[in-house]
Each structure stands twice: as C-alpha cells, then as structure tokens.
Amino acid sequence: MTAALRFAQVVVDCEHASRLGGFYAELLDRPLAEDPNEYFAFIPASTDPPFPGLMFLQVPEPRAGKNRLHIDLMTEDKDAAVARAIALGATHLGDFDEYGAVWTTLADPEGNMFDIAIHRE
C-alpha cells in the first residue's frame, strides 16, 4: 500500500524572501504570515477561495534561464490585474491568445515568470 500524498505548498526560491513574498501578498491580496524575513516568508493556504500556500525561501544562487514551473492566475479583468502587477514591480513579457486561452506573461521583481489569464465560463 502506498502512502497518500497531499498538496502542501508551492515553494519559490528567491534572493530575498520577505521582499518577493510581499510582492505576491500585495498582488494576490493575501496576508503574509507573521515574521517574514530575508530568508523565509509564507502566504498561508485558504479554502475560500481555494488557494495553495506559497513559501518563499532564500537561496544563494541566482535564477538561471527560464523557470520550469510557473504560477497561472485567473481574473475577470485581465487588463486591470496586469496593470496592478506592473505597478507593484512586475515586468510585462508578452500577450498570448492560443489554445482557446488569453493570457499575459509577466516577470516578478526577481525575474520569475507568471501568467495572468482572463477567466472564461
């Protein structure tokens, strides 16, 4: 018999945990757990709406190349969400309309790519 696995959180390696965690906390309108610092920051999971925990951990090496895993976010107002992300320090990388989806790819303040897509019923 195999042990059941549960999703714990998404971990983002970074240069400065509280700074990058603060960016995502502002962007997602989610609170950072108490006592974030340069080494560790955490946005707790929630069930309403469903949201995985995001953990930010300082690592000694810089990111090299394109990240292999990225965060996809959805919204009813993509243009407003993208503008907000840019105002918080994200960089616009491109707009896409493929495979029946419309999204914008951005880079967070440390260069990690993430997408904001329009929610369609």
C-alpha atoms as a PDB file:
ATOM      1  CA  MET A   1       0.000   0.000   0.000  1.00  0.00           C
ATOM      2  CA  THR A   2       1.312   3.445  -0.903  1.00  0.00           C
ATOM      3  CA  ALA A   3       1.063   6.466   1.342  1.00  0.00           C
ATOM      4  CA  ALA A   4      -1.421   9.106   0.173  1.00  0.00           C
ATOM      5  CA  LEU A   5       0.102  12.438  -0.769  1.00  0.00           C
ATOM      6  CA  ARG A   6      -1.464  15.840  -0.152  1.00  0.00           C
ATOM      7  CA  PHE A   7      -0.502  19.141  -1.689  1.00  0.00           C
ATOM      8  CA  ALA A   8       1.425  21.213   0.869  1.00  0.00           C
ATOM      9  CA  GLN A   9       2.522  24.435  -0.848  1.00  0.00           C
ATOM     10  CA  VAL A  10       4.357  25.898  -3.803  1.00  0.00           C
ATOM     11  CA  VAL A  11       7.923  26.907  -2.903  1.00  0.00           C
ATOM     12  CA  VAL A  12       9.615  29.780  -4.712  1.00  0.00           C
ATOM     13  CA  ASP A  13      13.396  30.043  -4.467  1.00  0.00           C
ATOM     14  CA  CYS A  14      14.442  33.676  -4.304  1.00  0.00           C
ATOM     15  CA  GLU A  15      17.098  36.216  -3.363  1.00  0.00           C
ATOM     16  CA  HIS A  16      15.078  37.975  -0.623  1.00  0.00           C
ATOM     17  CA  ALA A  17      12.072  36.084   0.771  1.00  0.00           C
ATOM     18  CA  SER A  18      10.127  38.852   2.516  1.00  0.00           C
ATOM     19  CA  ARG A  19      10.502  41.247  -0.420  1.00  0.00           C
ATOM     20  CA  LEU A  20       9.277  38.712  -3.004  1.00  0.00           C
ATOM     21  CA  GLY A  21       6.652  37.314  -0.620  1.00  0.00           C
ATOM     22  CA  GLY A  22       5.434  40.873  -0.067  1.00  0.00           C
ATOM     23  CA  PHE A  23       5.085  41.383  -3.835  1.00  0.00           C
ATOM     24  CA  TYR A  24       2.872  38.288  -4.177  1.00  0.00           C
ATOM     25  CA  ALA A  25       0.926  39.094  -0.992  1.00  0.00           C
ATOM     26  CA  GLU A  26       0.060  42.522  -2.431  1.00  0.00           C
ATOM     27  CA  LEU A  27      -0.668  41.153  -5.901  1.00  0.00           C
ATOM     28  CA  LEU A  28      -2.917  38.375  -4.584  1.00  0.00           C
ATOM     29  CA  ASP A  29      -4.430  40.424  -1.733  1.00  0.00           C
ATOM     30  CA  ARG A  30      -3.361  37.694   0.705  1.00  0.00           C
ATOM     31  CA  PRO A  31      -1.633  38.177   4.067  1.00  0.00           C
ATOM     32  CA  LEU A  32       1.969  37.191   4.730  1.00  0.00           C
ATOM     33  CA  ALA A  33       2.355  35.001   7.816  1.00  0.00           C
ATOM     34  CA  GLU A  34       3.964  36.730  10.787  1.00  0.00           C
ATOM     35  CA  ASP A  35       7.682  37.467  10.960  1.00  0.00           C
ATOM     36  CA  PRO A  36       8.768  37.259   7.313  1.00  0.00           C
ATOM     37  CA  ASN A  37      12.458  37.932   6.832  1.00  0.00           C
ATOM     38  CA  GLU A  38      15.081  37.846   4.085  1.00  0.00           C
ATOM     39  CA  TYR A  39      15.328  34.039   4.390  1.00  0.00           C
ATOM     40  CA  PHE A  40      11.696  32.931   4.741  1.00  0.00           C
ATOM     41  CA  ALA A  41       8.206  34.251   4.025  1.00  0.00           C
ATOM     42  CA  PHE A  42       4.894  32.424   3.713  1.00  0.00           C
ATOM     43  CA  ILE A  43       1.434  33.173   2.355  1.00  0.00           C
ATOM     44  CA  PRO A  44      -0.884  30.639   4.024  1.00  0.00           C
ATOM     45  CA  ALA A  45      -3.280  28.418   2.105  1.00  0.00           C
ATOM     46  CA  SER A  46      -7.014  29.002   2.262  1.00  0.00           C
ATOM     47  CA  THR A  47     -10.143  27.154   1.246  1.00  0.00           C
ATOM     48  CA  ASP A  48     -12.307  30.177   0.390  1.00  0.00           C
ATOM     49  CA  PRO A  49     -11.422  30.801  -2.339  1.00  0.00           C
ATOM     50  CA  PRO A  50      -9.161  27.789  -2.884  1.00  0.00           C
ATOM     51  CA  PHE A  51      -5.578  28.977  -2.673  1.00  0.00           C
ATOM     52  CA  PRO A  52      -2.380  26.968  -2.178  1.00  0.00           C
ATOM     53  CA  GLY A  53       0.207  28.144   0.304  1.00  0.00           C
ATOM     54  CA  LEU A  54       3.166  29.977  -1.199  1.00  0.00           C
ATOM     55  CA  MET A  55       6.514  29.654   0.564  1.00  0.00           C
ATOM     56  CA  PHE A  56       9.465  31.873  -0.338  1.00  0.00           C
ATOM     57  CA  LEU A  57      12.950  30.626   0.552  1.00  0.00           C
ATOM     58  CA  GLN A  58      16.231  32.435   0.063  1.00  0.00           C
ATOM     59  CA  VAL A  59      18.803  30.513  -1.958  1.00  0.00           C
ATOM     60  CA  PRO A  60      22.416  31.525  -2.605  1.00  0.00           C
ATOM     61  CA  GLU A  61      22.405  31.243  -6.387  1.00  0.00           C
ATOM     62  CA  PRO A  62      20.514  33.458  -8.847  1.00  0.00           C
ATOM     63  CA  ARG A  63      17.857  32.059 -11.161  1.00  0.00           C
ATOM     64  CA  ALA A  64      19.367  30.884 -14.432  1.00  0.00           C
ATOM     65  CA  GLY A  65      17.258  30.622 -17.567  1.00  0.00           C
ATOM     66  CA  LYS A  66      13.503  30.201 -17.855  1.00  0.00           C
ATOM     67  CA  ASN A  67      11.779  28.779 -14.794  1.00  0.00           C
ATOM     68  CA  ARG A  68      10.375  25.285 -15.384  1.00  0.00           C
ATOM     69  CA  LEU A  69       7.336  25.807 -13.168  1.00  0.00           C
ATOM     70  CA  HIS A  70       5.294  28.979 -13.011  1.00  0.00           C
ATOM     71  CA  ILE A  71       2.142  30.316 -11.410  1.00  0.00           C
ATOM     72  CA  ASP A  72      -1.003  30.843 -13.503  1.00  0.00           C
ATOM     73  CA  LEU A  73      -3.527  33.319 -12.124  1.00  0.00           C
ATOM     74  CA  MET A  74      -7.052  33.951 -13.444  1.00  0.00           C
ATOM     75  CA  THR A  75      -9.221  37.048 -13.241  1.00  0.00           C
ATOM     76  CA  GLU A  76     -12.371  38.601 -14.649  1.00  0.00           C
ATOM     77  CA  ASP A  77     -10.449  41.797 -15.570  1.00  0.00           C
ATOM     78  CA  LYS A  78      -7.069  40.828 -17.015  1.00  0.00           C
ATOM     79  CA  ASP A  79      -6.080  44.337 -18.094  1.00  0.00           C
ATOM     80  CA  ALA A  80      -6.615  45.764 -14.600  1.00  0.00           C
ATOM     81  CA  ALA A  81      -4.799  42.832 -12.959  1.00  0.00           C
ATOM     82  CA  VAL A  82      -1.836  43.158 -15.324  1.00  0.00           C
ATOM     83  CA  ALA A  83      -1.655  46.920 -14.724  1.00  0.00           C
ATOM     84  CA  ARG A  84      -1.703  46.303 -10.961  1.00  0.00           C
ATOM     85  CA  ALA A  85       1.062  43.700 -11.217  1.00  0.00           C
ATOM     86  CA  ILE A  86       3.219  46.125 -13.219  1.00  0.00           C
ATOM     87  CA  ALA A  87       2.565  48.914 -10.698  1.00  0.00           C
ATOM     88  CA  LEU A  88       3.777  46.539  -7.946  1.00  0.00           C
ATOM     89  CA  GLY A  89       7.030  45.840  -9.813  1.00  0.00           C
ATOM     90  CA  ALA A  90       6.299  43.128 -12.388  1.00  0.00           C
ATOM     91  CA  THR A  91       7.611  43.356 -15.941  1.00  0.00           C
ATOM     92  CA  HIS A  92       5.379  42.717 -18.967  1.00  0.00           C
ATOM     93  CA  LEU A  93       6.852  39.973 -21.180  1.00  0.00           C
ATOM     94  CA  GLY A  94       4.110  39.207 -23.698  1.00  0.00           C
ATOM     95  CA  ASP A  95       0.436  38.752 -24.540  1.00  0.00           C
ATOM     96  CA  PHE A  96      -0.944  35.498 -25.908  1.00  0.00           C
ATOM     97  CA  ASP A  97      -4.179  34.199 -27.421  1.00  0.00           C
ATOM     98  CA  GLU A  98      -3.678  30.499 -28.080  1.00  0.00           C
ATOM     99  CA  TYR A  99      -5.366  27.161 -27.437  1.00  0.00           C
ATOM    100  CA  GLY A 100      -8.626  28.888 -26.518  1.00  0.00           C
ATOM    101  CA  ALA A 101      -6.986  30.948 -23.750  1.00  0.00           C
ATOM    102  CA  VAL A 102      -5.952  34.594 -23.459  1.00  0.00           C
ATOM    103  CA  TRP A 103      -3.156  35.488 -21.054  1.00  0.00           C
ATOM    104  CA  THR A 104      -0.304  37.854 -20.283  1.00  0.00           C
ATOM    105  CA  THR A 105       3.109  36.622 -19.192  1.00  0.00           C
ATOM    106  CA  LEU A 106       4.962  38.761 -16.669  1.00  0.00           C
ATOM    107  CA  ALA A 107       8.128  38.515 -14.597  1.00  0.00           C
ATOM    108  CA  ASP A 108       8.044  39.200 -10.863  1.00  0.00           C
ATOM    109  CA  PRO A 109      10.657  41.562  -9.342  1.00  0.00           C
ATOM    110  CA  GLU A 110      13.236  38.723  -9.255  1.00  0.00           C
ATOM    111  CA  GLY A 111      12.560  37.622 -12.843  1.00  0.00           C
ATOM    112  CA  ASN A 112      10.337  34.585 -12.175  1.00  0.00           C
ATOM    113  CA  MET A 113       7.694  34.271 -14.873  1.00  0.00           C
ATOM    114  CA  PHE A 114       3.966  34.063 -14.084  1.00  0.00           C
ATOM    115  CA  ASP A 115       0.776  34.401 -16.128  1.00  0.00           C
ATOM    116  CA  ILE A 116      -2.455  36.290 -15.667  1.00  0.00           C
ATOM    117  CA  ALA A 117      -5.319  34.910 -17.776  1.00  0.00           C
ATOM    118  CA  ILE A 118      -8.857  36.037 -18.396  1.00  0.00           C
ATOM    119  CA  HIS A 119     -11.437  33.796 -16.747  1.00  0.00           C
ATOM    120  CA  ARG A 120     -13.929  32.437 -19.264  1.00  0.00           C
ATOM    121  CA  GLU A 121     -17.018  30.389 -18.472  1.00  0.00           C
END
